[in-house]
Amino acid sequence: MFKEVAHTNIKRGNFFSFFTRYDRFVRYMKCIGIGLPTWFCIGILAILGDKFGEALGLGKKAIDPGNAIMWSYIGISAGDFFSGFLSHWLHSRKKAILWMMAFTSISVVWLLYGGIRSAEMYYALCVWFGFGTGYWAMFVTVGAEQFGTNIRSTAATTIPNMVRGTVVLMNLLYAFFVPGVGVIHSGALVGLICFAIGIYCTASISETHNRDLDFVEE
């Protein structure tokens, strides 16, 4: 398919083409939105684990953010494999991602409001939400499959980086909430926003399971 496009006058790899048509722009934004819960869990709950651990009464240095990130990625590695099998079983990428998001949300609520009393439990929940957000590979696949051959690789490489960039906005929002409602509720509010956007974008984007990818963007 790429070779067929390469021998035409169709522009390839044009990043700005994502912003030249409304429907394509909406698809691009929805693809980014799908990945928000993943980086909320890593960028807020894991990286700021020491702050959440203190707020939960575990002690000022009870949670090592480095360990929280490590346990999260152990879960993510397993989740990446599982999400592929789940998608195949459900015959739907969207359903697989939505189920993984729901699974993740339970761990987030438990971590913030479940009354955990040890660092080990915090790390265990990091593995849990890591496994749930292990739909990352599936999310990148969905992003690539939304677009034509001429900008498919551009979508697959830029969408994940756009999601990573949103961690800055998440942290700013979290810092904005903290003085008024505290660490735990701030994390919950940012998480609620990220999961709401992620669920909406996943539910409203087109299904790509078994889609014919032999098409281009004009």
Protein backbone atom coordinates (compact mmCIF):
# COMPACT_ATOMS: atom_id res chain seq x y z
CA MET A 1 0.00 0.00 0.00
CA PHE A 2 2.84 2.38 0.84
CA LYS A 3 4.62 1.67 -2.45
CA GLU A 4 1.44 2.41 -4.36
CA VAL A 5 1.15 5.78 -2.63
CA ALA A 6 4.86 6.49 -3.04
CA HIS A 7 4.50 6.52 -6.82
CA THR A 8 1.73 9.13 -6.80
CA ASN A 9 1.56 12.86 -6.17
CA ILE A 10 -0.25 12.36 -2.86
CA LYS A 11 1.53 14.19 -0.03
CA ARG A 12 2.95 11.84 2.57
CA GLY A 13 3.75 12.45 6.23
CA ASN A 14 2.28 15.96 6.34
CA PHE A 15 1.70 16.62 10.05
CA PHE A 16 -0.28 19.78 9.40
CA SER A 17 -2.85 17.84 7.37
CA PHE A 18 -4.36 16.74 10.68
CA PHE A 19 -5.55 20.32 11.11
CA THR A 20 -6.76 21.14 7.59
CA ARG A 21 -10.08 19.26 7.75
CA TYR A 22 -12.53 19.30 10.63
CA ASP A 23 -13.37 15.58 10.58
CA ARG A 24 -9.68 14.62 10.45
CA PHE A 25 -8.86 17.04 13.28
CA VAL A 26 -11.64 15.55 15.43
CA ARG A 27 -10.32 12.03 14.78
CA TYR A 28 -6.84 13.15 15.75
CA MET A 29 -8.02 14.79 18.99
CA LYS A 30 -10.10 11.73 19.90
CA CYS A 31 -7.09 9.48 19.41
CA ILE A 32 -5.14 11.67 21.81
CA GLY A 33 -8.03 11.63 24.28
CA ILE A 34 -8.04 7.82 24.40
CA GLY A 35 -4.54 7.82 25.86
CA LEU A 36 -5.16 10.32 28.68
CA PRO A 37 -6.01 7.80 31.44
CA THR A 38 -2.70 6.01 30.87
CA TRP A 39 -0.62 9.08 31.46
CA PHE A 40 -2.79 10.28 34.31
CA CYS A 41 -1.92 7.07 36.15
CA ILE A 42 1.79 7.35 35.35
CA GLY A 43 2.21 11.13 35.38
CA ILE A 44 0.16 11.80 38.52
CA LEU A 45 -0.38 8.68 40.66
CA ALA A 46 3.03 7.09 40.06
CA ILE A 47 5.36 10.08 39.61
CA LEU A 48 3.74 11.94 42.51
CA GLY A 49 3.45 8.78 44.58
CA ASP A 50 5.40 10.28 47.49
CA LYS A 51 2.84 13.09 47.82
CA PHE A 52 -0.11 10.72 47.63
CA GLY A 53 1.53 8.35 50.09
CA GLU A 54 1.96 11.16 52.60
CA ALA A 55 -1.62 12.37 52.08
CA LEU A 56 -2.88 8.82 52.63
CA GLY A 57 -1.08 8.68 55.96
CA LEU A 58 1.60 6.20 54.89
CA GLY A 59 4.47 8.49 55.85
CA LYS A 60 6.41 11.30 54.22
CA LYS A 61 8.84 9.07 52.31
CA ALA A 62 6.87 5.83 52.36
CA ILE A 63 6.34 5.76 48.59
CA ASP A 64 9.32 5.95 46.25
CA PRO A 65 8.12 7.40 42.91
CA GLY A 66 10.78 5.39 41.10
CA ASN A 67 9.41 2.15 42.53
CA ALA A 68 5.86 3.25 41.76
CA ILE A 69 6.81 3.84 38.13
CA MET A 70 8.64 0.50 37.96
CA TRP A 71 5.65 -1.46 39.29
CA SER A 72 3.32 0.46 36.98
CA TYR A 73 5.35 -0.50 33.93
CA ILE A 74 5.48 -4.13 35.01
CA GLY A 75 1.68 -4.02 34.92
CA ILE A 76 1.67 -2.15 31.62
CA SER A 77 3.92 -4.77 30.00
CA ALA A 78 1.48 -7.53 30.93
CA GLY A 79 -1.52 -5.38 29.98
CA ASP A 80 -0.12 -4.72 26.50
CA PHE A 81 -0.13 -8.45 25.79
CA PHE A 82 -3.55 -9.00 27.35
CA SER A 83 -5.27 -6.13 25.50
CA GLY A 84 -4.39 -7.68 22.16
CA PHE A 85 -5.94 -11.02 23.10
CA LEU A 86 -8.97 -9.26 24.60
CA SER A 87 -9.52 -7.25 21.43
CA HIS A 88 -9.32 -10.40 19.31
CA TRP A 89 -11.79 -12.20 21.60
CA LEU A 90 -14.26 -9.30 21.60
CA HIS A 91 -13.76 -8.59 17.87
CA SER A 92 -13.48 -4.93 18.81
CA ARG A 93 -10.64 -2.60 19.69
CA LYS A 94 -13.06 -0.10 21.25
CA LYS A 95 -14.65 -2.62 23.60
CA ALA A 96 -11.23 -3.89 24.69
CA ILE A 97 -10.06 -0.38 25.54
CA LEU A 98 -13.27 0.48 27.37
CA TRP A 99 -13.07 -2.69 29.47
CA MET A 100 -9.43 -1.91 30.30
CA MET A 101 -10.37 1.66 31.29
CA ALA A 102 -13.14 0.38 33.56
CA PHE A 103 -10.71 -2.06 35.18
CA THR A 104 -8.23 0.77 35.71
CA SER A 105 -10.80 3.13 37.22
CA ILE A 106 -11.52 0.64 40.01
CA SER A 107 -7.85 0.63 41.05
CA VAL A 108 -7.71 4.43 40.98
CA VAL A 109 -10.76 4.78 43.23
CA TRP A 110 -9.38 2.12 45.58
CA LEU A 111 -5.99 3.83 45.73
CA LEU A 112 -7.44 7.24 46.51
CA TYR A 113 -10.38 6.32 48.73
CA GLY A 114 -9.94 2.68 49.72
CA GLY A 115 -8.09 3.43 52.93
CA ILE A 116 -4.86 1.64 52.01
CA ARG A 117 -2.43 1.39 54.90
CA SER A 118 0.90 0.23 53.46
CA ALA A 119 3.40 1.07 50.74
CA GLU A 120 3.10 -2.51 49.48
CA MET A 121 -0.60 -1.98 48.81
CA TYR A 122 0.15 1.25 46.96
CA TYR A 123 2.66 -0.57 44.74
CA ALA A 124 0.18 -3.41 44.20
CA LEU A 125 -2.37 -0.90 42.96
CA CYS A 126 0.31 0.58 40.69
CA VAL A 127 0.62 -2.86 39.10
CA TRP A 128 -3.18 -3.00 38.83
CA PHE A 129 -3.65 0.35 37.12
CA GLY A 130 -0.56 -0.36 35.04
CA PHE A 131 -2.14 -3.56 33.77
CA GLY A 132 -5.38 -1.70 33.06
CA THR A 133 -3.65 1.08 31.15
CA GLY A 134 -1.72 -1.54 29.22
CA TYR A 135 -4.02 -0.85 26.30
CA TRP A 136 -1.28 1.59 25.17
CA ALA A 137 -0.23 -0.60 22.23
CA MET A 138 -3.89 -1.00 21.28
CA PHE A 139 -4.40 2.76 21.53
CA VAL A 140 -1.47 3.41 19.19
CA THR A 141 -2.87 0.83 16.77
CA VAL A 142 -6.29 2.50 16.80
CA GLY A 143 -4.65 5.86 16.16
CA ALA A 144 -2.76 4.51 13.17
CA GLU A 145 -5.80 2.74 11.73
CA GLN A 146 -7.93 5.88 11.84
CA PHE A 147 -5.91 7.52 9.06
CA GLY A 148 -4.96 6.85 5.47
CA THR A 149 -1.70 5.29 4.31
CA ASN A 150 -0.14 8.64 3.43
CA ILE A 151 -0.23 9.94 7.03
CA ARG A 152 -0.67 6.69 8.98
CA SER A 153 2.91 6.54 10.27
CA THR A 154 2.76 10.24 11.18
CA ALA A 155 -0.34 9.56 13.26
CA ALA A 156 1.25 6.53 14.94
CA THR A 157 4.33 8.52 15.98
CA THR A 158 2.80 11.87 16.93
CA ILE A 159 -0.34 10.80 18.81
CA PRO A 160 1.55 9.03 21.66
CA ASN A 161 3.86 12.01 22.04
CA MET A 162 0.92 14.39 22.17
CA VAL A 163 -0.52 12.29 24.99
CA ARG A 164 2.79 12.39 26.86
CA GLY A 165 2.76 16.16 26.45
CA THR A 166 -0.61 16.41 28.18
CA VAL A 167 1.10 15.40 31.45
CA VAL A 168 2.19 19.03 31.71
CA LEU A 169 -1.45 20.15 31.59
CA MET A 170 -2.45 17.44 34.07
CA ASN A 171 0.20 18.61 36.53
CA LEU A 172 -0.84 22.24 36.14
CA LEU A 173 -4.46 21.28 36.75
CA TYR A 174 -3.49 19.14 39.73
CA ALA A 175 -1.43 22.00 41.22
CA PHE A 176 -4.36 24.37 40.67
CA PHE A 177 -6.74 22.12 42.63
CA VAL A 178 -4.40 21.21 45.52
CA PRO A 179 -4.66 24.45 47.56
CA GLY A 180 -8.45 24.24 47.58
CA VAL A 181 -9.25 20.54 47.96
CA GLY A 182 -6.00 18.82 48.91
CA VAL A 183 -3.85 16.15 47.28
CA ILE A 184 -6.32 13.24 47.21
CA HIS A 185 -9.31 15.13 45.84
CA SER A 186 -7.08 16.97 43.35
CA GLY A 187 -5.87 13.65 41.99
CA ALA A 188 -9.46 12.43 41.83
CA LEU A 189 -10.65 15.51 39.93
CA VAL A 190 -7.86 15.30 37.36
CA GLY A 191 -8.50 11.57 37.02
CA LEU A 192 -12.22 12.12 36.55
CA ILE A 193 -11.55 14.58 33.73
CA CYS A 194 -9.03 12.28 32.04
CA PHE A 195 -11.22 9.18 32.28
CA ALA A 196 -14.32 11.06 31.12
CA ILE A 197 -12.48 12.31 28.05
CA GLY A 198 -10.92 8.90 27.43
CA ILE A 199 -14.22 7.04 27.66
CA TYR A 200 -16.05 9.56 25.46
CA CYS A 201 -13.33 9.50 22.79
CA THR A 202 -13.15 5.71 22.76
CA ALA A 203 -16.92 5.28 22.59
CA SER A 204 -17.40 7.86 19.84
CA ILE A 205 -14.49 7.04 17.54
CA SER A 206 -14.99 4.61 14.66
CA GLU A 207 -14.21 0.91 15.14
CA THR A 208 -11.09 -0.26 13.30
CA HIS A 209 -11.15 -4.01 13.99
CA ASN A 210 -10.91 -5.82 10.63
CA ARG A 211 -10.91 -2.48 8.79
CA ASP A 212 -9.49 -2.37 5.27
CA LEU A 213 -6.51 -0.02 5.54
CA ASP A 214 -6.05 0.46 1.80
CA PHE A 215 -7.11 4.12 1.66
CA VAL A 216 -5.50 7.55 1.73
CA GLU A 217 -6.30 10.95 3.20
CA GLU A 218 -6.96 13.67 0.64
